[in-house]
């Protein structure tokens, strides 16, 4: 399958360009001391998310649970372009609507943990279904990179994806990959690095056409939320979840724990 992003030849870029210099990636395994940036890794089940995690960190197994939860988690580290990254592998989930414990953990880390970058791994052969999660993540944060994985399977299925058009439509970087063969990983690392350092600022597509009554209710809730929780990230998103009847968010507000839901404590991965 051909995509709109042709491979660059060795002469088309400088030898020190991070995107095409494999030596810029140093897999750190469980060594995550003194990291510069935190990266969340999200995605539907069976999208190759764990393959991406292993390829970047050098780890081959997941151990440990989120504090106070029975949901497995994995953390690892890598060094790239002289910066150290802590990569947090979130539970595989289809949405962030908090209808399951996996969804709650993933949602809380992206919202309250405020990672520097959120990579959303999507299956190129099931793009429409997988973009649901990507769009939900983009409602929370603009620091998103979409990893368009399983491009090898898409090729076998005769699918052609215009990744540049998709990136324009979504408003965030989109990187085609076949992680099991390490194809596209240098470009993925470069995209993550650019978002983390602020060299690239995403402008994600978000629904703006709210009815006047909904907009008024959201604004009122936002003002109330920020007066009680002044450091709350993305109060608008929290307000929308309240209006949608999110029981976990309601409980967190009533108990005063709203800003402590990120479960960001370090858990060792062997």
Foldseek 3Di string as FASTA:
>chain_A
DDEPDDDDDPVRDDQPPQLPPVVQKAAFFQPQPPADFEEEEEEAPPLCSVLLVCLRRVDDDWADDQVPDPHTWHWGWMGGPNGIYIYIYQDHDQALLPPDPSSLQSNLQLFQVVTLAYEYRYELVPRVSTVRRVQRSCLRDQRYEYEHEPVVVCVVVVHYDHQVVVCVQFQAHYFYYHSVVPGRVSVVVVRNVCSSVVVDTGDGDDDDPDDPVVVVQLVVQLVVCCVLVVPRGPSSVLSVSVVVPRVVSVVCVVVVNNNVSNSPDDDGTD
